[in-house]
Amino acid sequence: MAFTTRPGKVQPGTPPFEIPRYGILSTTTTQQFKNMVGIR
């Protein structure tokens, strides 16, 4: 199975098959992850 992703946060009312996602790789640091999801 393959799919594409569109980065972003989910908002109320977002269609289930169009939910944006963040790409997290093995090289993503904790700080980068925090920045993606809005944690300081």
PDB file of N, CA and C in Angstrom:
ATOM      1  N   MET A   1       0.846  -1.163   0.000  1.00  0.00           N
ATOM      2  CA  MET A   1       0.000   0.000   0.000  1.00  0.00           C
ATOM      3  C   MET A   1       0.900   1.238   0.000  1.00  0.00           C
ATOM      4  N   ALA A   2       0.514   2.234  -0.731  1.00  0.00           N
ATOM      5  CA  ALA A   2       1.281   3.480  -0.770  1.00  0.00           C
ATOM      6  C   ALA A   2       0.320   4.661  -0.697  1.00  0.00           C
ATOM      7  N   PHE A   3       0.793   5.731  -0.153  1.00  0.00           N
ATOM      8  CA  PHE A   3      -0.014   6.936  -0.077  1.00  0.00           C
ATOM      9  C   PHE A   3       0.896   8.146   0.026  1.00  0.00           C
ATOM     10  N   THR A   4       0.346   9.298  -0.245  1.00  0.00           N
ATOM     11  CA  THR A   4       1.104  10.533  -0.099  1.00  0.00           C
ATOM     12  C   THR A   4       0.641  11.225   1.170  1.00  0.00           C
ATOM     13  N   THR A   5       1.466  12.115   1.658  1.00  0.00           N
ATOM     14  CA  THR A   5       1.098  12.859   2.861  1.00  0.00           C
ATOM     15  C   THR A   5       1.178  14.350   2.594  1.00  0.00           C
ATOM     16  N   ARG A   6       0.363  15.065   3.284  1.00  0.00           N
ATOM     17  CA  ARG A   6       0.392  16.521   3.263  1.00  0.00           C
ATOM     18  C   ARG A   6       0.649  16.938   4.703  1.00  0.00           C
ATOM     19  N   PRO A   7       1.742  17.642   4.969  1.00  0.00           N
ATOM     20  CA  PRO A   7       2.059  17.993   6.348  1.00  0.00           C
ATOM     21  C   PRO A   7       1.062  18.992   6.923  1.00  0.00           C
ATOM     22  N   GLY A   8       0.813  18.885   8.212  1.00  0.00           N
ATOM     23  CA  GLY A   8      -0.054  19.836   8.886  1.00  0.00           C
ATOM     24  C   GLY A   8      -0.774  19.211  10.060  1.00  0.00           C
ATOM     25  N   LYS A   9      -1.491  20.063  10.790  1.00  0.00           N
ATOM     26  CA  LYS A   9      -2.255  19.616  11.943  1.00  0.00           C
ATOM     27  C   LYS A   9      -3.686  19.313  11.514  1.00  0.00           C
ATOM     28  N   VAL A  10      -4.289  18.379  12.194  1.00  0.00           N
ATOM     29  CA  VAL A  10      -5.678  18.015  11.925  1.00  0.00           C
ATOM     30  C   VAL A  10      -6.584  19.072  12.556  1.00  0.00           C
ATOM     31  N   GLN A  11      -7.612  19.454  11.835  1.00  0.00           N
ATOM     32  CA  GLN A  11      -8.604  20.401  12.315  1.00  0.00           C
ATOM     33  C   GLN A  11      -9.954  19.691  12.402  1.00  0.00           C
ATOM     34  N   PRO A  12     -10.832  20.145  13.290  1.00  0.00           N
ATOM     35  CA  PRO A  12     -12.170  19.546  13.342  1.00  0.00           C
ATOM     36  C   PRO A  12     -12.837  19.626  11.965  1.00  0.00           C
ATOM     37  N   GLY A  13     -13.472  18.560  11.562  1.00  0.00           N
ATOM     38  CA  GLY A  13     -14.159  18.532  10.287  1.00  0.00           C
ATOM     39  C   GLY A  13     -13.309  18.089   9.111  1.00  0.00           C
ATOM     40  N   THR A  14     -12.032  17.803   9.347  1.00  0.00           N
ATOM     41  CA  THR A  14     -11.173  17.322   8.266  1.00  0.00           C
ATOM     42  C   THR A  14     -11.670  15.952   7.806  1.00  0.00           C
ATOM     43  N   PRO A  15     -11.878  15.774   6.502  1.00  0.00           N
ATOM     44  CA  PRO A  15     -12.313  14.457   6.024  1.00  0.00           C
ATOM     45  C   PRO A  15     -11.292  13.375   6.413  1.00  0.00           C
ATOM     46  N   PRO A  16     -11.761  12.222   6.865  1.00  0.00           N
ATOM     47  CA  PRO A  16     -10.863  11.176   7.362  1.00  0.00           C
ATOM     48  C   PRO A  16      -9.774  10.735   6.388  1.00  0.00           C
ATOM     49  N   PHE A  17     -10.063  10.756   5.095  1.00  0.00           N
ATOM     50  CA  PHE A  17      -9.061  10.314   4.131  1.00  0.00           C
ATOM     51  C   PHE A  17      -8.148  11.445   3.682  1.00  0.00           C
ATOM     52  N   GLU A  18      -8.320  12.625   4.242  1.00  0.00           N
ATOM     53  CA  GLU A  18      -7.486  13.772   3.890  1.00  0.00           C
ATOM     54  C   GLU A  18      -6.729  14.325   5.101  1.00  0.00           C
ATOM     55  N   ILE A  19      -6.614  13.529   6.139  1.00  0.00           N
ATOM     56  CA  ILE A  19      -5.960  13.988   7.365  1.00  0.00           C
ATOM     57  C   ILE A  19      -4.492  14.267   7.078  1.00  0.00           C
ATOM     58  N   PRO A  20      -4.036  15.496   7.385  1.00  0.00           N
ATOM     59  CA  PRO A  20      -2.618  15.794   7.181  1.00  0.00           C
ATOM     60  C   PRO A  20      -1.759  15.041   8.205  1.00  0.00           C
ATOM     61  N   ARG A  21      -0.547  14.757   7.816  1.00  0.00           N
ATOM     62  CA  ARG A  21       0.367  14.012   8.688  1.00  0.00           C
ATOM     63  C   ARG A  21       1.753  14.626   8.599  1.00  0.00           C
ATOM     64  N   TYR A  22       2.507  14.425   9.648  1.00  0.00           N
ATOM     65  CA  TYR A  22       3.907  14.842   9.646  1.00  0.00           C
ATOM     66  C   TYR A  22       4.760  13.617   9.341  1.00  0.00           C
ATOM     67  N   GLY A  23       5.754  13.784   8.496  1.00  0.00           N
ATOM     68  CA  GLY A  23       6.679  12.704   8.211  1.00  0.00           C
ATOM     69  C   GLY A  23       7.767  12.663   9.277  1.00  0.00           C
ATOM     70  N   ILE A  24       7.837  11.592  10.014  1.00  0.00           N
ATOM     71  CA  ILE A  24       8.843  11.415  11.055  1.00  0.00           C
ATOM     72  C   ILE A  24       9.798  10.330  10.579  1.00  0.00           C
ATOM     73  N   LEU A  25      11.042  10.696  10.455  1.00  0.00           N
ATOM     74  CA  LEU A  25      12.062   9.760   9.995  1.00  0.00           C
ATOM     75  C   LEU A  25      12.948   9.340  11.155  1.00  0.00           C
ATOM     76  N   SER A  26      13.780   8.363  10.932  1.00  0.00           N
ATOM     77  CA  SER A  26      14.710   7.941  11.978  1.00  0.00           C
ATOM     78  C   SER A  26      15.742   9.022  12.275  1.00  0.00           C
ATOM     79  N   THR A  27      15.887   9.975  11.361  1.00  0.00           N
ATOM     80  CA  THR A  27      16.850  11.064  11.557  1.00  0.00           C
ATOM     81  C   THR A  27      16.211  12.308  12.187  1.00  0.00           C
ATOM     82  N   THR A  28      14.899  12.266  12.434  1.00  0.00           N
ATOM     83  CA  THR A  28      14.210  13.401  13.048  1.00  0.00           C
ATOM     84  C   THR A  28      14.604  13.483  14.516  1.00  0.00           C
ATOM     85  N   THR A  29      15.094  14.637  14.918  1.00  0.00           N
ATOM     86  CA  THR A  29      15.494  14.813  16.313  1.00  0.00           C
ATOM     87  C   THR A  29      14.276  15.131  17.176  1.00  0.00           C
ATOM     88  N   THR A  30      14.453  14.996  18.473  1.00  0.00           N
ATOM     89  CA  THR A  30      13.372  15.318  19.394  1.00  0.00           C
ATOM     90  C   THR A  30      12.976  16.783  19.253  1.00  0.00           C
ATOM     91  N   GLN A  31      13.941  17.662  19.101  1.00  0.00           N
ATOM     92  CA  GLN A  31      13.638  19.079  18.956  1.00  0.00           C
ATOM     93  C   GLN A  31      12.868  19.353  17.658  1.00  0.00           C
ATOM     94  N   GLN A  32      13.245  18.709  16.577  1.00  0.00           N
ATOM     95  CA  GLN A  32      12.509  18.867  15.322  1.00  0.00           C
ATOM     96  C   GLN A  32      11.068  18.391  15.475  1.00  0.00           C
ATOM     97  N   PHE A  33      10.882  17.272  16.159  1.00  0.00           N
ATOM     98  CA  PHE A  33       9.539  16.753  16.392  1.00  0.00           C
ATOM     99  C   PHE A  33       8.720  17.746  17.214  1.00  0.00           C
ATOM    100  N   LYS A  34       9.313  18.271  18.262  1.00  0.00           N
ATOM    101  CA  LYS A  34       8.610  19.249  19.097  1.00  0.00           C
ATOM    102  C   LYS A  34       8.204  20.473  18.286  1.00  0.00           C
ATOM    103  N   ASN A  35       9.093  20.922  17.402  1.00  0.00           N
ATOM    104  CA  ASN A  35       8.768  22.068  16.554  1.00  0.00           C
ATOM    105  C   ASN A  35       7.608  21.745  15.612  1.00  0.00           C
ATOM    106  N   MET A  36       7.582  20.539  15.077  1.00  0.00           N
ATOM    107  CA  MET A  36       6.512  20.138  14.166  1.00  0.00           C
ATOM    108  C   MET A  36       5.145  20.177  14.839  1.00  0.00           C
ATOM    109  N   VAL A  37       5.085  19.684  16.075  1.00  0.00           N
ATOM    110  CA  VAL A  37       3.801  19.576  16.757  1.00  0.00           C
ATOM    111  C   VAL A  37       3.499  20.756  17.675  1.00  0.00           C
ATOM    112  N   GLY A  38       4.405  21.724  17.721  1.00  0.00           N
ATOM    113  CA  GLY A  38       4.144  22.943  18.493  1.00  0.00           C
ATOM    114  C   GLY A  38       4.415  22.845  19.969  1.00  0.00           C
ATOM    115  N   ILE A  39       5.365  21.996  20.357  1.00  0.00           N
ATOM    116  CA  ILE A  39       5.769  21.896  21.759  1.00  0.00           C
ATOM    117  C   ILE A  39       7.086  22.648  21.914  1.00  0.00           C
ATOM    118  N   ARG A  40       7.206  23.387  22.974  1.00  0.00           N
ATOM    119  CA  ARG A  40       8.457  24.129  23.206  1.00  0.00           C
ATOM    120  C   ARG A  40       9.414  23.335  24.038  1.00  0.00           C
TER     121      ARG A  40
END
